[in-house]
Amino acid sequence: MNEDHADAVRLYATRLLAQRDGAWRICGLDPAGADLAFGDDTARLDFPARVTTSSELRQMLVRLAHEARTRAP
């Protein structure tokens, strides 16, 4: 995710979480959300619903990327 979809991770941080722009990375995942990091900054992206399978996780990340792309900067 971090290498292939770095743009989506950046958008999660900047548009969904109002964090500063930069090379954000996902550093942790659990059924309730994702932990993001950029330098010394960290942020928590809570999922709107729990995910319990890899398929659900993929669908959630795609959904959130779409939401982030449609949200104004």
PDB file of N, CA and C in Angstrom:
ATOM      1  N   MET A   1       0.828  -1.188   0.000  1.00  0.00           N
ATOM      2  CA  MET A   1       0.000   0.000   0.000  1.00  0.00           C
ATOM      3  C   MET A   1       0.869   1.247   0.000  1.00  0.00           C
ATOM      4  N   ASN A   2       1.879   1.277   0.864  1.00  0.00           N
ATOM      5  CA  ASN A   2       2.725   2.459   0.959  1.00  0.00           C
ATOM      6  C   ASN A   2       3.463   2.766  -0.335  1.00  0.00           C
ATOM      7  N   GLU A   3       3.926   1.745  -1.018  1.00  0.00           N
ATOM      8  CA  GLU A   3       4.676   1.974  -2.259  1.00  0.00           C
ATOM      9  C   GLU A   3       3.759   2.126  -3.460  1.00  0.00           C
ATOM     10  N   ASP A   4       2.784   1.269  -3.598  1.00  0.00           N
ATOM     11  CA  ASP A   4       1.922   1.284  -4.782  1.00  0.00           C
ATOM     12  C   ASP A   4       0.838   2.361  -4.733  1.00  0.00           C
ATOM     13  N   HIS A   5       0.449   2.778  -3.547  1.00  0.00           N
ATOM     14  CA  HIS A   5      -0.652   3.737  -3.411  1.00  0.00           C
ATOM     15  C   HIS A   5      -0.294   4.867  -2.446  1.00  0.00           C
ATOM     16  N   ALA A   6       0.930   5.362  -2.556  1.00  0.00           N
ATOM     17  CA  ALA A   6       1.398   6.435  -1.677  1.00  0.00           C
ATOM     18  C   ALA A   6       0.510   7.672  -1.797  1.00  0.00           C
ATOM     19  N   ASP A   7      -0.013   7.915  -2.993  1.00  0.00           N
ATOM     20  CA  ASP A   7      -0.894   9.078  -3.186  1.00  0.00           C
ATOM     21  C   ASP A   7      -2.161   8.952  -2.341  1.00  0.00           C
ATOM     22  N   ALA A   8      -2.718   7.756  -2.254  1.00  0.00           N
ATOM     23  CA  ALA A   8      -3.926   7.543  -1.453  1.00  0.00           C
ATOM     24  C   ALA A   8      -3.624   7.732   0.035  1.00  0.00           C
ATOM     25  N   VAL A   9      -2.503   7.217   0.499  1.00  0.00           N
ATOM     26  CA  VAL A   9      -2.138   7.359   1.909  1.00  0.00           C
ATOM     27  C   VAL A   9      -1.964   8.839   2.246  1.00  0.00           C
ATOM     28  N   ARG A  10      -1.321   9.585   1.366  1.00  0.00           N
ATOM     29  CA  ARG A  10      -1.151  11.031   1.562  1.00  0.00           C
ATOM     30  C   ARG A  10      -2.505  11.726   1.661  1.00  0.00           C
ATOM     31  N   LEU A  11      -3.449  11.322   0.799  1.00  0.00           N
ATOM     32  CA  LEU A  11      -4.781  11.919   0.828  1.00  0.00           C
ATOM     33  C   LEU A  11      -5.555  11.547   2.093  1.00  0.00           C
ATOM     34  N   TYR A  12      -5.375  10.330   2.592  1.00  0.00           N
ATOM     35  CA  TYR A  12      -6.014   9.968   3.861  1.00  0.00           C
ATOM     36  C   TYR A  12      -5.590  10.986   4.924  1.00  0.00           C
ATOM     37  N   ALA A  13      -4.288  11.263   4.979  1.00  0.00           N
ATOM     38  CA  ALA A  13      -3.756  12.158   6.004  1.00  0.00           C
ATOM     39  C   ALA A  13      -4.188  13.600   5.788  1.00  0.00           C
ATOM     40  N   THR A  14      -4.035  14.090   4.565  1.00  0.00           N
ATOM     41  CA  THR A  14      -4.270  15.515   4.331  1.00  0.00           C
ATOM     42  C   THR A  14      -5.741  15.877   4.205  1.00  0.00           C
ATOM     43  N   ARG A  15      -6.509  15.066   3.527  1.00  0.00           N
ATOM     44  CA  ARG A  15      -7.905  15.438   3.283  1.00  0.00           C
ATOM     45  C   ARG A  15      -8.896  14.855   4.282  1.00  0.00           C
ATOM     46  N   LEU A  16      -8.601  13.674   4.797  1.00  0.00           N
ATOM     47  CA  LEU A  16      -9.533  13.079   5.760  1.00  0.00           C
ATOM     48  C   LEU A  16      -9.177  13.432   7.203  1.00  0.00           C
ATOM     49  N   LEU A  17      -7.899  13.679   7.452  1.00  0.00           N
ATOM     50  CA  LEU A  17      -7.454  13.919   8.820  1.00  0.00           C
ATOM     51  C   LEU A  17      -6.877  15.314   9.042  1.00  0.00           C
ATOM     52  N   ALA A  18      -6.863  16.139   7.993  1.00  0.00           N
ATOM     53  CA  ALA A  18      -6.381  17.529   8.084  1.00  0.00           C
ATOM     54  C   ALA A  18      -4.951  17.629   8.622  1.00  0.00           C
ATOM     55  N   GLN A  19      -4.110  16.717   8.191  1.00  0.00           N
ATOM     56  CA  GLN A  19      -2.699  16.747   8.579  1.00  0.00           C
ATOM     57  C   GLN A  19      -1.881  17.497   7.524  1.00  0.00           C
ATOM     58  N   ARG A  20      -0.650  17.844   7.867  1.00  0.00           N
ATOM     59  CA  ARG A  20       0.207  18.544   6.913  1.00  0.00           C
ATOM     60  C   ARG A  20       0.577  17.615   5.763  1.00  0.00           C
ATOM     61  N   ASP A  21       0.883  18.214   4.632  1.00  0.00           N
ATOM     62  CA  ASP A  21       1.226  17.444   3.438  1.00  0.00           C
ATOM     63  C   ASP A  21       2.602  16.817   3.599  1.00  0.00           C
ATOM     64  N   GLY A  22       2.765  15.634   3.050  1.00  0.00           N
ATOM     65  CA  GLY A  22       4.054  14.969   3.115  1.00  0.00           C
ATOM     66  C   GLY A  22       3.941  13.514   2.729  1.00  0.00           C
ATOM     67  N   ALA A  23       5.027  12.811   2.903  1.00  0.00           N
ATOM     68  CA  ALA A  23       5.122  11.398   2.522  1.00  0.00           C
ATOM     69  C   ALA A  23       4.612  10.505   3.663  1.00  0.00           C
ATOM     70  N   TRP A  24       3.324  10.554   3.891  1.00  0.00           N
ATOM     71  CA  TRP A  24       2.700   9.738   4.935  1.00  0.00           C
ATOM     72  C   TRP A  24       2.768   8.263   4.569  1.00  0.00           C
ATOM     73  N   ARG A  25       2.872   7.412   5.591  1.00  0.00           N
ATOM     74  CA  ARG A  25       2.906   5.960   5.404  1.00  0.00           C
ATOM     75  C   ARG A  25       1.961   5.311   6.402  1.00  0.00           C
ATOM     76  N   ILE A  26       1.393   4.201   6.005  1.00  0.00           N
ATOM     77  CA  ILE A  26       0.616   3.398   6.950  1.00  0.00           C
ATOM     78  C   ILE A  26       1.620   2.588   7.757  1.00  0.00           C
ATOM     79  N   CYS A  27       1.556   2.718   9.069  1.00  0.00           N
ATOM     80  CA  CYS A  27       2.498   1.990   9.920  1.00  0.00           C
ATOM     81  C   CYS A  27       1.801   0.962  10.800  1.00  0.00           C
ATOM     82  N   GLY A  28       0.481   0.899  10.713  1.00  0.00           N
ATOM     83  CA  GLY A  28      -0.256  -0.100  11.475  1.00  0.00           C
ATOM     84  C   GLY A  28      -1.687  -0.198  10.988  1.00  0.00           C
ATOM     85  N   LEU A  29      -2.216  -1.400  11.045  1.00  0.00           N
ATOM     86  CA  LEU A  29      -3.609  -1.655  10.655  1.00  0.00           C
ATOM     87  C   LEU A  29      -4.245  -2.579  11.684  1.00  0.00           C
ATOM     88  N   ASP A  30      -5.493  -2.328  11.978  1.00  0.00           N
ATOM     89  CA  ASP A  30      -6.263  -3.228  12.824  1.00  0.00           C
ATOM     90  C   ASP A  30      -7.713  -3.150  12.355  1.00  0.00           C
ATOM     91  N   PRO A  31      -8.607  -3.966  12.878  1.00  0.00           N
ATOM     92  CA  PRO A  31      -9.992  -3.970  12.386  1.00  0.00           C
ATOM     93  C   PRO A  31     -10.712  -2.627  12.484  1.00  0.00           C
ATOM     94  N   ALA A  32     -10.253  -1.745  13.357  1.00  0.00           N
ATOM     95  CA  ALA A  32     -10.938  -0.470  13.569  1.00  0.00           C
ATOM     96  C   ALA A  32     -10.335   0.704  12.813  1.00  0.00           C
ATOM     97  N   GLY A  33      -9.116   0.541  12.254  1.00  0.00           N
ATOM     98  CA  GLY A  33      -8.528   1.668  11.552  1.00  0.00           C
ATOM     99  C   GLY A  33      -7.069   1.465  11.197  1.00  0.00           C
ATOM    100  N   ALA A  34      -6.447   2.583  10.805  1.00  0.00           N
ATOM    101  CA  ALA A  34      -5.053   2.574  10.358  1.00  0.00           C
ATOM    102  C   ALA A  34      -4.277   3.661  11.087  1.00  0.00           C
ATOM    103  N   ASP A  35      -3.035   3.354  11.400  1.00  0.00           N
ATOM    104  CA  ASP A  35      -2.129   4.333  11.980  1.00  0.00           C
ATOM    105  C   ASP A  35      -1.220   4.835  10.862  1.00  0.00           C
ATOM    106  N   LEU A  36      -1.093   6.155  10.766  1.00  0.00           N
ATOM    107  CA  LEU A  36      -0.272   6.784   9.744  1.00  0.00           C
ATOM    108  C   LEU A  36       0.872   7.533  10.403  1.00  0.00           C
ATOM    109  N   ALA A  37       1.990   7.645   9.684  1.00  0.00           N
ATOM    110  CA  ALA A  37       3.146   8.356  10.211  1.00  0.00           C
ATOM    111  C   ALA A  37       3.850   9.116   9.102  1.00  0.00           C
ATOM    112  N   PHE A  38       4.385  10.279   9.494  1.00  0.00           N
ATOM    113  CA  PHE A  38       5.218  11.103   8.614  1.00  0.00           C
ATOM    114  C   PHE A  38       6.201  11.827   9.521  1.00  0.00           C
ATOM    115  N   GLY A  39       7.457  11.447   9.445  1.00  0.00           N
ATOM    116  CA  GLY A  39       8.443  12.015  10.361  1.00  0.00           C
ATOM    117  C   GLY A  39       8.039  11.692  11.792  1.00  0.00           C
ATOM    118  N   ASP A  40       7.966  12.716  12.632  1.00  0.00           N
ATOM    119  CA  ASP A  40       7.562  12.526  14.022  1.00  0.00           C
ATOM    120  C   ASP A  40       6.056  12.626  14.227  1.00  0.00           C
ATOM    121  N   ASP A  41       5.318  12.933  13.159  1.00  0.00           N
ATOM    122  CA  ASP A  41       3.866  13.071  13.256  1.00  0.00           C
ATOM    123  C   ASP A  41       3.186  11.721  13.069  1.00  0.00           C
ATOM    124  N   THR A  42       2.132  11.508  13.832  1.00  0.00           N
ATOM    125  CA  THR A  42       1.310  10.313  13.670  1.00  0.00           C
ATOM    126  C   THR A  42      -0.156  10.745  13.641  1.00  0.00           C
ATOM    127  N   ALA A  43      -0.973   9.910  13.029  1.00  0.00           N
ATOM    128  CA  ALA A  43      -2.407  10.184  12.949  1.00  0.00           C
ATOM    129  C   ALA A  43      -3.144   8.858  12.908  1.00  0.00           C
ATOM    130  N   ARG A  44      -4.357   8.880  13.387  1.00  0.00           N
ATOM    131  CA  ARG A  44      -5.203   7.679  13.407  1.00  0.00           C
ATOM    132  C   ARG A  44      -6.372   7.879  12.459  1.00  0.00           C
ATOM    133  N   LEU A  45      -6.517   6.963  11.518  1.00  0.00           N
ATOM    134  CA  LEU A  45      -7.640   6.956  10.588  1.00  0.00           C
ATOM    135  C   LEU A  45      -8.606   5.864  11.047  1.00  0.00           C
ATOM    136  N   ASP A  46      -9.675   6.271  11.698  1.00  0.00           N
ATOM    137  CA  ASP A  46     -10.680   5.306  12.142  1.00  0.00           C
ATOM    138  C   ASP A  46     -11.560   4.922  10.957  1.00  0.00           C
ATOM    139  N   PHE A  47     -11.807   3.642  10.800  1.00  0.00           N
ATOM    140  CA  PHE A  47     -12.701   3.170   9.750  1.00  0.00           C
ATOM    141  C   PHE A  47     -14.143   3.404  10.188  1.00  0.00           C
ATOM    142  N   PRO A  48     -15.042   3.712   9.249  1.00  0.00           N
ATOM    143  CA  PRO A  48     -16.444   3.887   9.603  1.00  0.00           C
ATOM    144  C   PRO A  48     -17.120   2.586  10.035  1.00  0.00           C
ATOM    145  N   ALA A  49     -16.509   1.454   9.706  1.00  0.00           N
ATOM    146  CA  ALA A  49     -17.018   0.143  10.120  1.00  0.00           C
ATOM    147  C   ALA A  49     -15.818  -0.790  10.285  1.00  0.00           C
ATOM    148  N   ARG A  50     -15.940  -1.730  11.212  1.00  0.00           N
ATOM    149  CA  ARG A  50     -14.840  -2.689  11.426  1.00  0.00           C
ATOM    150  C   ARG A  50     -14.645  -3.565  10.191  1.00  0.00           C
ATOM    151  N   VAL A  51     -13.393  -3.928   9.946  1.00  0.00           N
ATOM    152  CA  VAL A  51     -13.072  -4.863   8.871  1.00  0.00           C
ATOM    153  C   VAL A  51     -12.423  -6.092   9.504  1.00  0.00           C
ATOM    154  N   THR A  52     -12.779  -7.259   8.988  1.00  0.00           N
ATOM    155  CA  THR A  52     -12.245  -8.484   9.583  1.00  0.00           C
ATOM    156  C   THR A  52     -11.577  -9.409   8.575  1.00  0.00           C
ATOM    157  N   THR A  53     -11.652  -9.063   7.300  1.00  0.00           N
ATOM    158  CA  THR A  53     -10.994  -9.877   6.274  1.00  0.00           C
ATOM    159  C   THR A  53     -10.144  -8.973   5.388  1.00  0.00           C
ATOM    160  N   SER A  54      -9.218  -9.573   4.672  1.00  0.00           N
ATOM    161  CA  SER A  54      -8.383  -8.783   3.764  1.00  0.00           C
ATOM    162  C   SER A  54      -9.221  -8.157   2.655  1.00  0.00           C
ATOM    163  N   SER A  55     -10.259  -8.830   2.231  1.00  0.00           N
ATOM    164  CA  SER A  55     -11.151  -8.290   1.209  1.00  0.00           C
ATOM    165  C   SER A  55     -11.882  -7.053   1.729  1.00  0.00           C
ATOM    166  N   GLU A  56     -12.385  -7.130   2.957  1.00  0.00           N
ATOM    167  CA  GLU A  56     -13.052  -5.975   3.558  1.00  0.00           C
ATOM    168  C   GLU A  56     -12.082  -4.812   3.735  1.00  0.00           C
ATOM    169  N   LEU A  57     -10.843  -5.124   4.108  1.00  0.00           N
ATOM    170  CA  LEU A  57      -9.832  -4.081   4.277  1.00  0.00           C
ATOM    171  C   LEU A  57      -9.562  -3.380   2.953  1.00  0.00           C
ATOM    172  N   ARG A  58      -9.385  -4.145   1.902  1.00  0.00           N
ATOM    173  CA  ARG A  58      -9.144  -3.554   0.593  1.00  0.00           C
ATOM    174  C   ARG A  58     -10.314  -2.657   0.182  1.00  0.00           C
ATOM    175  N   GLN A  59     -11.530  -3.150   0.347  1.00  0.00           N
ATOM    176  CA  GLN A  59     -12.714  -2.361  -0.006  1.00  0.00           C
ATOM    177  C   GLN A  59     -12.787  -1.070   0.813  1.00  0.00           C
ATOM    178  N   MET A  60     -12.440  -1.142   2.089  1.00  0.00           N
ATOM    179  CA  MET A  60     -12.471   0.039   2.951  1.00  0.00           C
ATOM    180  C   MET A  60     -11.434   1.059   2.493  1.00  0.00           C
ATOM    181  N   LEU A  61     -10.226   0.600   2.176  1.00  0.00           N
ATOM    182  CA  LEU A  61      -9.173   1.520   1.746  1.00  0.00           C
ATOM    183  C   LEU A  61      -9.522   2.177   0.417  1.00  0.00           C
ATOM    184  N   VAL A  62     -10.143   1.431  -0.483  1.00  0.00           N
ATOM    185  CA  VAL A  62     -10.596   2.002  -1.754  1.00  0.00           C
ATOM    186  C   VAL A  62     -11.688   3.032  -1.494  1.00  0.00           C
ATOM    187  N   ARG A  63     -12.630   2.693  -0.640  1.00  0.00           N
ATOM    188  CA  ARG A  63     -13.724   3.615  -0.294  1.00  0.00           C
ATOM    189  C   ARG A  63     -13.187   4.921   0.289  1.00  0.00           C
ATOM    190  N   LEU A  64     -12.240   4.816   1.215  1.00  0.00           N
ATOM    191  CA  LEU A  64     -11.676   6.010   1.840  1.00  0.00           C
ATOM    192  C   LEU A  64     -10.833   6.819   0.864  1.00  0.00           C
ATOM    193  N   ALA A  65     -10.135   6.149  -0.042  1.00  0.00           N
ATOM    194  CA  ALA A  65      -9.366   6.871  -1.067  1.00  0.00           C
ATOM    195  C   ALA A  65     -10.306   7.659  -1.966  1.00  0.00           C
ATOM    196  N   HIS A  66     -11.417   7.053  -2.336  1.00  0.00           N
ATOM    197  CA  HIS A  66     -12.409   7.758  -3.158  1.00  0.00           C
ATOM    198  C   HIS A  66     -12.969   8.968  -2.406  1.00  0.00           C
ATOM    199  N   GLU A  67     -13.287   8.779  -1.146  1.00  0.00           N
ATOM    200  CA  GLU A  67     -13.802   9.880  -0.327  1.00  0.00           C
ATOM    201  C   GLU A  67     -12.765  11.003  -0.237  1.00  0.00           C
ATOM    202  N   ALA A  68     -11.513  10.638  -0.040  1.00  0.00           N
ATOM    203  CA  ALA A  68     -10.460  11.650   0.075  1.00  0.00           C
ATOM    204  C   ALA A  68     -10.264  12.404  -1.234  1.00  0.00           C
ATOM    205  N   ARG A  69     -10.341  11.689  -2.345  1.00  0.00           N
ATOM    206  CA  ARG A  69     -10.147  12.345  -3.648  1.00  0.00           C
ATOM    207  C   ARG A  69     -11.282  13.318  -3.977  1.00  0.00           C
ATOM    208  N   THR A  70     -12.476  13.049  -3.491  1.00  0.00           N
ATOM    209  CA  THR A  70     -13.604  13.922  -3.802  1.00  0.00           C
ATOM    210  C   THR A  70     -13.764  15.068  -2.804  1.00  0.00           C
ATOM    211  N   ARG A  71     -13.022  15.032  -1.721  1.00  0.00           N
ATOM    212  CA  ARG A  71     -13.085  16.084  -0.704  1.00  0.00           C
ATOM    213  C   ARG A  71     -12.145  17.226  -1.112  1.00  0.00           C
ATOM    214  N   ALA A  72     -12.599  18.440  -0.969  1.00  0.00           N
ATOM    215  CA  ALA A  72     -11.783  19.611  -1.325  1.00  0.00           C
ATOM    216  C   ALA A  72     -10.555  19.697  -0.431  1.00  0.00           C
ATOM    217  N   PRO A  73      -9.431  20.128  -1.001  1.00  0.00           N
ATOM    218  CA  PRO A  73      -8.196  20.272  -0.195  1.00  0.00           C
ATOM    219  C   PRO A  73      -8.296  21.387   0.820  1.00  0.00           C
TER     220      PRO A  73
END
